[in-house]
Every structure is written in C-alpha cells, then in structure tokens.
C-alpha cells in the first residue's frame, strides 16, 4: 500500500557510495548496472557479479535496456551487448565508427521492435548531439540536434511512430520513424 508496508527489501546490490545507473530484465534475472559494474539478482534475491567496468563513472550502464533477447549497456562512448553469457562490444565507437563530429558519450538508449537507438552527446562544443539507430546491420543516422543542446532522454511512442528527444534547456524534439 501507500504506507510502504508491502515493500520487500532492500536488496543490497553494491557497496555504500556506489550508485545504480540502470535496471533491466533478461530471462529469469533482474540485472542492475552500477557505477562499478553489472550484477544480477537471481532466485531468492541472490546477488551475483557479472562484470566490473574499467573505471567507475555515472555514465557506466546509464539507461541500460533489453532489446531482442539481450541487454544493451552504455559505457561512456561504447555500447556493450550482454546475452546472459557473453559480453560483446556493439559500437557505435567500433571499426570505422561514427564520424569525429558525432562521437561522444552515450546519453540515452531506447528500443522499439526494429531499432535500438542511442542519443550521443558530442565530445566538443563545436559539434552537435545526435541520434543513431542500430538494426543488426550497422549504425544509421536518425537526427542531429541544434548546436549547444545535450540529450537527457529518449522515448519512442509506437502509436504515432515518433521518437521524442529530451534535450537540455527544456526542449523536446520529435522525429517520425
């Protein structure tokens, strides 16, 4: 109820001072991304470590999502895919990667049935934030925001097939997909 009497837990998934940056389900487990690494909560609320990040950061795991049978985990400029047994780098910073003016930290992640989309804040003030989509066959440019704006969140609305981008300074942009 509203008085909190129905809550269970808390389940301790990290040491004091470590923040939770993302939560998503995969199979029978709840996965929790923290500033230090990835853990899962299994049967009987048992907590097990999956991976530790190379360095602690509030960007590690922020906005982790489930998409087509795997977890997609932002780790600053990279995106990792966890299928329950393997952790694989997914880009968009791999290989030929994104053009320099579009590279930066992943600020937000969202998925629909066909696309995994990421919002990227640029490395420099001379560049603009952008949105990219992955469909299993590479990364595709969706939109670029006006200069000086950053991305705070993404939301896909299926009923009107629009991607909404929450940007700095109180702006919301949308694009038809």
N, C-alpha and C. Protein backbone atom coordinates (compact mmCIF):
# COMPACT_ATOMS: atom_id res chain seq x y z
N UNK A 1 0.79 -1.17 0.00
CA UNK A 1 0.00 0.00 0.00
C UNK A 1 0.85 1.25 0.00
N UNK A 2 0.19 2.37 0.08
CA UNK A 2 0.86 3.67 0.05
C UNK A 2 1.72 3.91 1.28
N UNK A 3 1.49 3.14 2.35
CA UNK A 3 2.28 3.34 3.57
C UNK A 3 3.61 2.61 3.52
N UNK A 4 3.89 1.90 2.43
CA UNK A 4 5.17 1.20 2.30
C UNK A 4 5.19 -0.16 2.96
N UNK A 5 4.08 -0.62 3.51
CA UNK A 5 4.04 -1.89 4.22
C UNK A 5 4.20 -3.09 3.28
N UNK A 6 3.96 -2.91 1.98
CA UNK A 6 4.04 -4.02 1.04
C UNK A 6 5.41 -4.15 0.37
N UNK A 7 6.32 -3.24 0.65
CA UNK A 7 7.65 -3.30 0.05
C UNK A 7 8.42 -4.48 0.60
N UNK A 8 9.30 -5.03 -0.23
CA UNK A 8 10.27 -6.02 0.24
C UNK A 8 11.65 -5.42 0.06
N UNK A 9 12.63 -6.00 0.73
CA UNK A 9 13.99 -5.49 0.57
C UNK A 9 14.34 -4.52 1.66
N UNK A 10 15.35 -3.77 1.50
CA UNK A 10 16.09 -3.60 0.25
C UNK A 10 17.03 -4.78 -0.03
N UNK A 11 17.35 -4.96 -1.30
CA UNK A 11 18.33 -5.94 -1.74
C UNK A 11 19.62 -5.17 -1.98
N UNK A 12 20.65 -5.49 -1.26
CA UNK A 12 21.91 -4.78 -1.41
C UNK A 12 22.66 -5.34 -2.61
N UNK A 13 22.81 -4.51 -3.65
CA UNK A 13 23.49 -4.95 -4.88
C UNK A 13 24.88 -4.34 -5.03
N UNK A 14 25.22 -3.38 -4.17
CA UNK A 14 26.52 -2.72 -4.26
C UNK A 14 26.89 -2.14 -2.90
N UNK A 15 28.14 -1.79 -2.77
CA UNK A 15 28.63 -1.18 -1.54
C UNK A 15 28.12 0.25 -1.41
N UNK A 16 28.16 0.77 -0.23
CA UNK A 16 27.76 2.15 0.03
C UNK A 16 28.59 3.09 -0.85
N UNK A 17 27.93 4.07 -1.42
CA UNK A 17 28.61 5.05 -2.27
C UNK A 17 28.61 4.68 -3.74
N UNK A 18 28.12 3.50 -4.09
CA UNK A 18 28.02 3.07 -5.48
C UNK A 18 26.57 3.27 -5.92
N UNK A 19 26.38 3.99 -7.02
CA UNK A 19 25.04 4.31 -7.49
C UNK A 19 24.54 3.30 -8.52
N UNK A 20 23.23 3.10 -8.53
CA UNK A 20 22.58 2.29 -9.56
C UNK A 20 22.31 3.19 -10.76
N UNK A 21 22.71 2.73 -11.95
CA UNK A 21 22.56 3.54 -13.17
C UNK A 21 21.56 2.95 -14.16
N UNK A 22 21.18 1.68 -13.97
CA UNK A 22 20.23 1.06 -14.88
C UNK A 22 19.69 -0.25 -14.32
N UNK A 23 18.46 -0.61 -14.70
CA UNK A 23 17.85 -1.87 -14.30
C UNK A 23 17.10 -2.41 -15.51
N UNK A 24 17.30 -3.72 -15.79
CA UNK A 24 16.58 -4.36 -16.90
C UNK A 24 16.52 -5.85 -16.64
N UNK A 25 15.50 -6.49 -17.18
CA UNK A 25 15.34 -7.92 -17.03
C UNK A 25 15.85 -8.67 -18.25
N UNK A 26 16.38 -9.87 -18.00
CA UNK A 26 16.80 -10.77 -19.07
C UNK A 26 16.61 -12.19 -18.56
N UNK A 27 15.79 -12.96 -19.25
CA UNK A 27 15.49 -14.31 -18.78
C UNK A 27 14.80 -14.24 -17.43
N UNK A 28 15.27 -15.05 -16.50
CA UNK A 28 14.67 -15.09 -15.16
C UNK A 28 15.31 -14.10 -14.19
N UNK A 29 16.26 -13.30 -14.66
CA UNK A 29 17.03 -12.46 -13.75
C UNK A 29 16.76 -10.97 -13.96
N UNK A 30 16.94 -10.25 -12.88
CA UNK A 30 16.94 -8.80 -12.91
C UNK A 30 18.40 -8.37 -12.92
N UNK A 31 18.80 -7.59 -13.90
CA UNK A 31 20.18 -7.10 -13.99
C UNK A 31 20.21 -5.65 -13.52
N UNK A 32 21.25 -5.33 -12.79
CA UNK A 32 21.42 -4.00 -12.24
C UNK A 32 22.79 -3.48 -12.64
N UNK A 33 22.81 -2.36 -13.34
CA UNK A 33 24.07 -1.70 -13.68
C UNK A 33 24.36 -0.68 -12.59
N UNK A 34 25.60 -0.63 -12.17
CA UNK A 34 26.03 0.36 -11.18
C UNK A 34 27.21 1.13 -11.75
N UNK A 35 27.63 2.13 -11.03
CA UNK A 35 28.80 2.89 -11.47
C UNK A 35 30.06 2.03 -11.47
N UNK A 36 30.05 0.88 -10.78
CA UNK A 36 31.20 -0.03 -10.72
C UNK A 36 31.11 -1.22 -11.64
N UNK A 37 29.89 -1.72 -11.95
CA UNK A 37 29.80 -2.92 -12.76
C UNK A 37 28.36 -3.38 -12.94
N UNK A 38 28.22 -4.63 -13.42
CA UNK A 38 26.93 -5.23 -13.68
C UNK A 38 26.74 -6.43 -12.76
N UNK A 39 25.57 -6.51 -12.13
CA UNK A 39 25.23 -7.65 -11.26
C UNK A 39 23.85 -8.16 -11.66
N UNK A 40 23.54 -9.39 -11.25
CA UNK A 40 22.18 -9.85 -11.42
C UNK A 40 21.61 -10.29 -10.09
N UNK A 41 20.30 -10.18 -10.00
CA UNK A 41 19.57 -10.63 -8.83
C UNK A 41 18.79 -11.86 -9.27
N UNK A 42 19.15 -13.01 -8.70
CA UNK A 42 18.55 -14.27 -9.10
C UNK A 42 17.50 -14.74 -8.11
N UNK A 43 17.26 -16.03 -8.13
CA UNK A 43 16.26 -16.63 -7.26
C UNK A 43 16.62 -16.38 -5.80
N UNK A 44 15.62 -16.14 -4.99
CA UNK A 44 15.84 -15.88 -3.57
C UNK A 44 16.60 -14.59 -3.32
N UNK A 45 16.55 -13.67 -4.28
CA UNK A 45 17.23 -12.38 -4.19
C UNK A 45 18.74 -12.52 -4.04
N UNK A 46 19.30 -13.60 -4.57
CA UNK A 46 20.76 -13.79 -4.56
C UNK A 46 21.40 -12.84 -5.56
N UNK A 47 22.42 -12.11 -5.12
CA UNK A 47 23.11 -11.14 -5.96
C UNK A 47 24.46 -11.72 -6.40
N UNK A 48 24.72 -11.69 -7.70
CA UNK A 48 25.98 -12.19 -8.26
C UNK A 48 26.57 -11.15 -9.20
N UNK A 49 27.87 -10.99 -9.13
CA UNK A 49 28.56 -10.09 -10.03
C UNK A 49 28.67 -10.69 -11.42
N UNK A 50 28.54 -9.87 -12.45
CA UNK A 50 28.69 -10.29 -13.84
C UNK A 50 29.95 -9.69 -14.42
N UNK A 51 30.14 -8.38 -14.25
CA UNK A 51 31.30 -7.69 -14.83
C UNK A 51 31.59 -6.44 -14.03
N UNK A 52 32.84 -6.04 -14.04
CA UNK A 52 33.23 -4.74 -13.47
C UNK A 52 33.72 -3.87 -14.61
N UNK A 53 33.44 -2.57 -14.50
CA UNK A 53 33.89 -1.63 -15.53
C UNK A 53 35.35 -1.30 -15.25
N UNK A 54 36.05 -0.81 -16.23
CA UNK A 54 37.45 -0.44 -16.06
C UNK A 54 37.63 0.72 -15.11
N UNK A 55 36.66 1.64 -15.09
CA UNK A 55 36.70 2.77 -14.16
C UNK A 55 35.27 3.12 -13.78
N UNK A 56 35.11 3.56 -12.55
CA UNK A 56 33.78 3.92 -12.07
C UNK A 56 33.35 5.26 -12.68
N UNK A 57 32.10 5.33 -13.12
CA UNK A 57 31.58 6.56 -13.71
C UNK A 57 30.06 6.53 -13.66
N UNK A 58 29.42 7.69 -13.49
CA UNK A 58 27.96 7.72 -13.53
C UNK A 58 27.41 7.43 -14.93
N UNK A 59 28.27 7.39 -15.95
CA UNK A 59 27.83 7.07 -17.30
C UNK A 59 27.80 5.57 -17.57
N UNK A 60 28.42 4.78 -16.72
CA UNK A 60 28.51 3.35 -16.94
C UNK A 60 27.16 2.69 -16.65
N UNK A 61 26.55 2.11 -17.67
CA UNK A 61 25.28 1.42 -17.50
C UNK A 61 24.06 2.30 -17.49
N UNK A 62 24.23 3.60 -17.62
CA UNK A 62 23.11 4.54 -17.53
C UNK A 62 22.10 4.27 -18.64
N UNK A 63 20.88 3.90 -18.26
CA UNK A 63 19.82 3.68 -19.22
C UNK A 63 19.86 2.33 -19.92
N UNK A 64 20.53 1.36 -19.34
CA UNK A 64 20.59 0.01 -19.91
C UNK A 64 19.19 -0.47 -20.29
N UNK A 65 19.07 -1.15 -21.47
CA UNK A 65 17.76 -1.63 -21.92
C UNK A 65 17.84 -3.07 -22.39
N UNK A 66 16.69 -3.73 -22.41
CA UNK A 66 16.53 -5.06 -23.00
C UNK A 66 16.02 -4.85 -24.43
N UNK A 67 16.67 -5.52 -25.39
CA UNK A 67 16.26 -5.41 -26.79
C UNK A 67 16.54 -6.73 -27.49
N UNK A 68 15.53 -7.34 -28.04
CA UNK A 68 15.62 -8.57 -28.82
C UNK A 68 16.49 -9.65 -28.16
N UNK A 69 16.22 -9.92 -26.89
CA UNK A 69 16.85 -11.02 -26.20
C UNK A 69 18.21 -10.77 -25.58
N UNK A 70 18.65 -9.52 -25.56
CA UNK A 70 19.94 -9.17 -24.94
C UNK A 70 19.79 -7.85 -24.19
N UNK A 71 20.74 -7.60 -23.29
CA UNK A 71 20.83 -6.29 -22.65
C UNK A 71 21.83 -5.45 -23.42
N UNK A 72 21.52 -4.18 -23.57
CA UNK A 72 22.44 -3.23 -24.20
C UNK A 72 22.80 -2.21 -23.15
N UNK A 73 24.10 -2.12 -22.90
CA UNK A 73 24.61 -1.37 -21.74
C UNK A 73 25.56 -0.27 -22.21
N UNK A 74 25.17 1.00 -22.04
CA UNK A 74 26.08 2.09 -22.39
C UNK A 74 27.23 2.17 -21.40
N UNK A 75 28.43 2.37 -21.91
CA UNK A 75 29.61 2.55 -21.06
C UNK A 75 30.42 3.70 -21.64
N UNK A 76 30.01 4.88 -21.35
CA UNK A 76 30.56 6.13 -21.86
C UNK A 76 30.37 6.17 -23.38
N UNK A 77 31.44 6.02 -24.19
CA UNK A 77 31.30 6.11 -25.64
C UNK A 77 30.96 4.78 -26.30
N UNK A 78 30.93 3.70 -25.54
CA UNK A 78 30.70 2.37 -26.10
C UNK A 78 29.35 1.82 -25.67
N UNK A 79 28.90 0.82 -26.40
CA UNK A 79 27.69 0.09 -26.07
C UNK A 79 28.05 -1.38 -26.03
N UNK A 80 27.72 -2.05 -24.93
CA UNK A 80 28.00 -3.47 -24.78
C UNK A 80 26.72 -4.26 -24.87
N UNK A 81 26.81 -5.48 -25.44
CA UNK A 81 25.65 -6.38 -25.51
C UNK A 81 25.93 -7.58 -24.61
N UNK A 82 25.00 -7.85 -23.68
CA UNK A 82 25.10 -8.99 -22.78
C UNK A 82 23.93 -9.91 -23.09
N UNK A 83 24.24 -11.15 -23.52
CA UNK A 83 23.18 -12.10 -23.87
C UNK A 83 22.92 -13.12 -22.77
N UNK A 84 23.50 -12.92 -21.60
CA UNK A 84 23.35 -13.83 -20.48
C UNK A 84 24.58 -14.68 -20.25
N UNK A 85 25.48 -14.73 -21.25
CA UNK A 85 26.73 -15.47 -21.08
C UNK A 85 27.93 -14.79 -21.71
N UNK A 86 27.71 -13.90 -22.67
CA UNK A 86 28.81 -13.21 -23.35
C UNK A 86 28.60 -11.71 -23.36
N UNK A 87 29.68 -10.97 -23.15
CA UNK A 87 29.65 -9.51 -23.22
C UNK A 87 30.41 -9.13 -24.50
N UNK A 88 29.71 -8.49 -25.44
CA UNK A 88 30.31 -8.13 -26.71
C UNK A 88 30.19 -6.63 -26.96
N UNK A 89 31.24 -6.00 -27.45
CA UNK A 89 31.14 -4.57 -27.82
C UNK A 89 30.29 -4.42 -29.08
N UNK A 90 29.40 -3.42 -29.08
CA UNK A 90 28.46 -3.19 -30.17
C UNK A 90 28.68 -1.89 -30.94
N UNK A 91 29.59 -1.06 -30.48
CA UNK A 91 29.74 0.24 -31.11
C UNK A 91 28.95 1.26 -30.33
N UNK A 92 28.65 2.38 -30.85
CA UNK A 92 28.94 2.84 -32.21
C UNK A 92 30.37 3.33 -32.40
N UNK A 93 31.25 3.08 -31.43
CA UNK A 93 32.63 3.58 -31.49
C UNK A 93 33.59 2.56 -32.08
N UNK A 94 33.10 1.48 -32.69
CA UNK A 94 33.96 0.41 -33.21
C UNK A 94 34.26 0.57 -34.69
N UNK A 95 35.35 -0.08 -35.13
CA UNK A 95 35.69 -0.13 -36.55
C UNK A 95 35.76 1.26 -37.14
N UNK A 96 35.04 1.44 -38.24
CA UNK A 96 35.00 2.76 -38.86
C UNK A 96 34.28 3.75 -37.98
N UNK A 97 33.36 3.25 -37.16
CA UNK A 97 32.69 4.08 -36.16
C UNK A 97 31.96 5.27 -36.74
N UNK A 98 31.65 6.20 -35.87
CA UNK A 98 30.96 7.42 -36.28
C UNK A 98 31.96 8.46 -36.72
N UNK A 99 31.56 9.37 -37.59
CA UNK A 99 32.43 10.49 -37.93
C UNK A 99 32.81 11.26 -36.65
N UNK A 100 34.00 11.87 -36.66
CA UNK A 100 34.51 12.55 -35.47
C UNK A 100 33.52 13.53 -34.86
N UNK A 101 32.81 14.29 -35.70
CA UNK A 101 31.91 15.31 -35.16
C UNK A 101 30.72 14.72 -34.43
N UNK A 102 30.46 13.43 -34.59
CA UNK A 102 29.34 12.79 -33.91
C UNK A 102 29.76 11.92 -32.73
N UNK A 103 31.04 11.74 -32.50
CA UNK A 103 31.49 10.88 -31.42
C UNK A 103 31.33 11.57 -30.07
N UNK A 104 31.03 10.76 -29.05
CA UNK A 104 30.87 11.28 -27.70
C UNK A 104 30.24 10.23 -26.81
N UNK A 105 29.84 10.65 -25.63
CA UNK A 105 29.24 9.74 -24.66
C UNK A 105 27.79 9.43 -25.00
N UNK A 106 27.41 8.18 -24.77
CA UNK A 106 26.02 7.78 -24.96
C UNK A 106 25.22 8.35 -23.80
N UNK A 107 24.25 9.19 -24.12
CA UNK A 107 23.46 9.89 -23.11
C UNK A 107 22.15 9.19 -22.80
N UNK A 108 21.61 8.43 -23.77
CA UNK A 108 20.31 7.77 -23.58
C UNK A 108 20.18 6.63 -24.58
N UNK A 109 19.38 5.63 -24.21
CA UNK A 109 19.12 4.47 -25.07
C UNK A 109 17.63 4.16 -25.01
N UNK A 110 17.06 3.78 -26.16
CA UNK A 110 15.67 3.35 -26.23
C UNK A 110 15.55 2.34 -27.36
N UNK A 111 14.56 1.46 -27.28
CA UNK A 111 14.36 0.46 -28.32
C UNK A 111 12.91 0.42 -28.75
N UNK A 112 12.68 0.08 -30.01
CA UNK A 112 11.35 -0.28 -30.47
C UNK A 112 11.47 -1.69 -31.06
N UNK A 113 10.50 -2.16 -31.82
CA UNK A 113 10.57 -3.53 -32.32
C UNK A 113 11.74 -3.77 -33.26
N UNK A 114 12.13 -2.77 -34.03
CA UNK A 114 13.12 -2.97 -35.08
C UNK A 114 14.45 -2.27 -34.87
N UNK A 115 14.50 -1.30 -34.00
CA UNK A 115 15.69 -0.47 -33.86
C UNK A 115 16.09 -0.31 -32.39
N UNK A 116 17.37 -0.28 -32.18
CA UNK A 116 17.95 0.15 -30.91
C UNK A 116 18.52 1.53 -31.18
N UNK A 117 18.08 2.53 -30.43
CA UNK A 117 18.51 3.90 -30.70
C UNK A 117 19.30 4.47 -29.53
N UNK A 118 20.34 5.23 -29.87
CA UNK A 118 21.16 5.88 -28.84
C UNK A 118 21.25 7.37 -29.15
N UNK A 119 21.22 8.15 -28.07
CA UNK A 119 21.48 9.58 -28.17
C UNK A 119 22.91 9.81 -27.73
N UNK A 120 23.66 10.55 -28.51
CA UNK A 120 25.08 10.77 -28.23
C UNK A 120 25.34 12.25 -28.04
N UNK A 121 25.92 12.59 -26.89
CA UNK A 121 26.37 13.96 -26.64
C UNK A 121 27.77 14.11 -27.21
N UNK A 122 28.04 15.19 -27.90
CA UNK A 122 29.33 15.35 -28.58
C UNK A 122 30.48 15.56 -27.60
N UNK A 123 31.68 15.27 -28.09
CA UNK A 123 32.90 15.49 -27.29
C UNK A 123 33.22 16.97 -27.15
N UNK A 124 32.91 17.75 -28.18
CA UNK A 124 33.29 19.16 -28.16
C UNK A 124 32.08 20.07 -28.35
N UNK A 125 32.22 21.30 -27.90
CA UNK A 125 31.13 22.28 -28.01
C UNK A 125 30.87 22.69 -29.46
N UNK A 126 31.82 22.44 -30.34
CA UNK A 126 31.65 22.78 -31.75
C UNK A 126 30.77 21.78 -32.49
N UNK A 127 30.51 20.63 -31.88
CA UNK A 127 29.70 19.59 -32.51
C UNK A 127 28.30 19.57 -31.90
N UNK A 128 27.40 18.81 -32.52
CA UNK A 128 26.01 18.73 -32.05
C UNK A 128 25.68 17.32 -31.58
N UNK A 129 24.75 17.23 -30.64
CA UNK A 129 24.25 15.93 -30.19
C UNK A 129 23.49 15.28 -31.34
N UNK A 130 23.48 13.95 -31.36
CA UNK A 130 22.84 13.24 -32.45
C UNK A 130 22.20 11.95 -31.96
N UNK A 131 21.32 11.40 -32.79
CA UNK A 131 20.64 10.14 -32.50
C UNK A 131 20.98 9.17 -33.62
N UNK A 132 21.34 7.94 -33.21
CA UNK A 132 21.73 6.87 -34.14
C UNK A 132 20.91 5.63 -33.83
N UNK A 133 20.65 4.83 -34.87
CA UNK A 133 19.86 3.60 -34.70
C UNK A 133 20.64 2.41 -35.23
N UNK A 134 20.49 1.27 -34.53
CA UNK A 134 21.14 0.02 -34.91
C UNK A 134 20.05 -1.00 -35.21
N UNK A 135 20.16 -1.68 -36.35
CA UNK A 135 19.16 -2.67 -36.73
C UNK A 135 19.78 -4.05 -36.98
N UNK A 136 20.96 -4.30 -36.47
CA UNK A 136 21.64 -5.55 -36.70
C UNK A 136 22.55 -5.51 -37.90
N UNK A 137 22.46 -4.46 -38.69
CA UNK A 137 23.28 -4.33 -39.90
C UNK A 137 24.06 -3.02 -39.91
N UNK A 138 24.37 -2.51 -38.74
CA UNK A 138 25.15 -1.28 -38.66
C UNK A 138 24.37 -0.13 -38.05
N UNK A 139 25.06 0.98 -37.90
CA UNK A 139 24.51 2.19 -37.29
C UNK A 139 24.04 3.16 -38.36
N UNK A 140 22.87 3.77 -38.13
CA UNK A 140 22.25 4.67 -39.09
C UNK A 140 21.90 5.98 -38.41
N UNK A 141 22.27 7.09 -39.06
CA UNK A 141 21.99 8.41 -38.52
C UNK A 141 20.49 8.71 -38.59
N UNK A 142 19.90 9.16 -37.48
CA UNK A 142 18.48 9.49 -37.42
C UNK A 142 18.27 11.00 -37.40
N UNK A 143 19.00 11.70 -36.52
CA UNK A 143 18.79 13.14 -36.39
C UNK A 143 19.96 13.79 -35.69
N UNK A 144 20.11 15.08 -35.93
CA UNK A 144 21.11 15.90 -35.24
C UNK A 144 20.39 17.07 -34.60
N UNK A 145 20.70 17.34 -33.33
CA UNK A 145 20.07 18.45 -32.62
C UNK A 145 20.76 19.76 -32.96
N UNK A 146 20.08 20.88 -32.71
CA UNK A 146 20.74 22.17 -32.89
C UNK A 146 21.98 22.28 -31.99
N UNK A 147 22.95 23.07 -32.38
CA UNK A 147 24.19 23.21 -31.59
C UNK A 147 23.91 23.61 -30.14
N UNK A 148 24.78 23.23 -29.26
CA UNK A 148 24.83 23.52 -27.82
C UNK A 148 23.86 22.71 -26.97
N UNK A 149 22.94 21.96 -27.57
CA UNK A 149 22.00 21.17 -26.78
C UNK A 149 22.58 19.79 -26.50
N UNK A 150 22.23 19.25 -25.34
CA UNK A 150 22.62 17.89 -24.98
C UNK A 150 21.36 17.03 -24.88
N UNK A 151 21.55 15.72 -24.88
CA UNK A 151 20.42 14.80 -24.81
C UNK A 151 20.29 14.30 -23.38
N UNK A 152 19.07 14.38 -22.83
CA UNK A 152 18.83 13.86 -21.48
C UNK A 152 18.07 12.55 -21.50
N UNK A 153 17.19 12.34 -22.49
CA UNK A 153 16.42 11.10 -22.55
C UNK A 153 15.82 10.91 -23.94
N UNK A 154 15.45 9.66 -24.23
CA UNK A 154 14.78 9.30 -25.47
C UNK A 154 13.52 8.52 -25.13
N UNK A 155 12.48 8.69 -25.94
CA UNK A 155 11.25 7.93 -25.76
C UNK A 155 10.66 7.66 -27.13
N UNK A 156 10.35 6.40 -27.41
CA UNK A 156 9.68 6.05 -28.67
C UNK A 156 8.21 5.80 -28.40
N UNK A 157 7.34 6.47 -29.13
CA UNK A 157 5.89 6.31 -28.98
C UNK A 157 5.37 5.56 -30.20
N UNK A 158 4.98 4.32 -29.96
CA UNK A 158 4.55 3.44 -31.04
C UNK A 158 3.30 3.93 -31.75
N UNK A 159 2.35 4.52 -31.03
CA UNK A 159 1.07 4.90 -31.63
C UNK A 159 1.22 5.92 -32.75
N UNK A 160 2.20 6.80 -32.67
CA UNK A 160 2.40 7.77 -33.74
C UNK A 160 3.76 7.63 -34.42
N UNK A 161 4.48 6.58 -34.09
CA UNK A 161 5.78 6.26 -34.69
C UNK A 161 6.76 7.43 -34.62
N UNK A 162 6.80 8.05 -33.46
CA UNK A 162 7.70 9.19 -33.28
C UNK A 162 8.70 8.90 -32.18
N UNK A 163 9.90 9.36 -32.42
CA UNK A 163 10.95 9.32 -31.40
C UNK A 163 11.03 10.72 -30.80
N UNK A 164 10.89 10.79 -29.48
CA UNK A 164 10.98 12.06 -28.76
C UNK A 164 12.35 12.14 -28.09
N UNK A 165 12.97 13.30 -28.21
CA UNK A 165 14.29 13.52 -27.65
C UNK A 165 14.19 14.65 -26.63
N UNK A 166 14.45 14.32 -25.37
CA UNK A 166 14.52 15.34 -24.33
C UNK A 166 15.91 15.95 -24.36
N UNK A 167 15.96 17.26 -24.55
CA UNK A 167 17.24 17.94 -24.70
C UNK A 167 17.43 18.95 -23.59
N UNK A 168 18.68 19.38 -23.42
CA UNK A 168 18.99 20.39 -22.43
C UNK A 168 18.20 21.66 -22.67
N UNK A 169 18.12 22.51 -21.67
CA UNK A 169 17.43 23.80 -21.74
C UNK A 169 15.93 23.67 -21.96
N UNK A 170 15.33 22.55 -21.53
CA UNK A 170 13.89 22.41 -21.55
C UNK A 170 13.26 22.22 -22.91
N UNK A 171 13.95 21.59 -23.85
CA UNK A 171 13.41 21.35 -25.19
C UNK A 171 13.09 19.88 -25.40
N UNK A 172 12.00 19.62 -26.14
CA UNK A 172 11.69 18.28 -26.61
C UNK A 172 11.55 18.35 -28.12
N UNK A 173 12.30 17.48 -28.80
CA UNK A 173 12.20 17.38 -30.25
C UNK A 173 11.59 16.04 -30.58
N UNK A 174 10.99 15.92 -31.77
CA UNK A 174 10.49 14.61 -32.18
C UNK A 174 10.78 14.41 -33.66
N UNK A 175 10.88 13.15 -34.03
CA UNK A 175 11.12 12.80 -35.42
C UNK A 175 10.29 11.56 -35.74
N UNK A 176 9.67 11.55 -36.92
CA UNK A 176 8.87 10.40 -37.35
C UNK A 176 9.81 9.30 -37.83
N UNK A 177 9.59 8.09 -37.34
CA UNK A 177 10.42 6.96 -37.77
C UNK A 177 9.61 6.01 -38.62
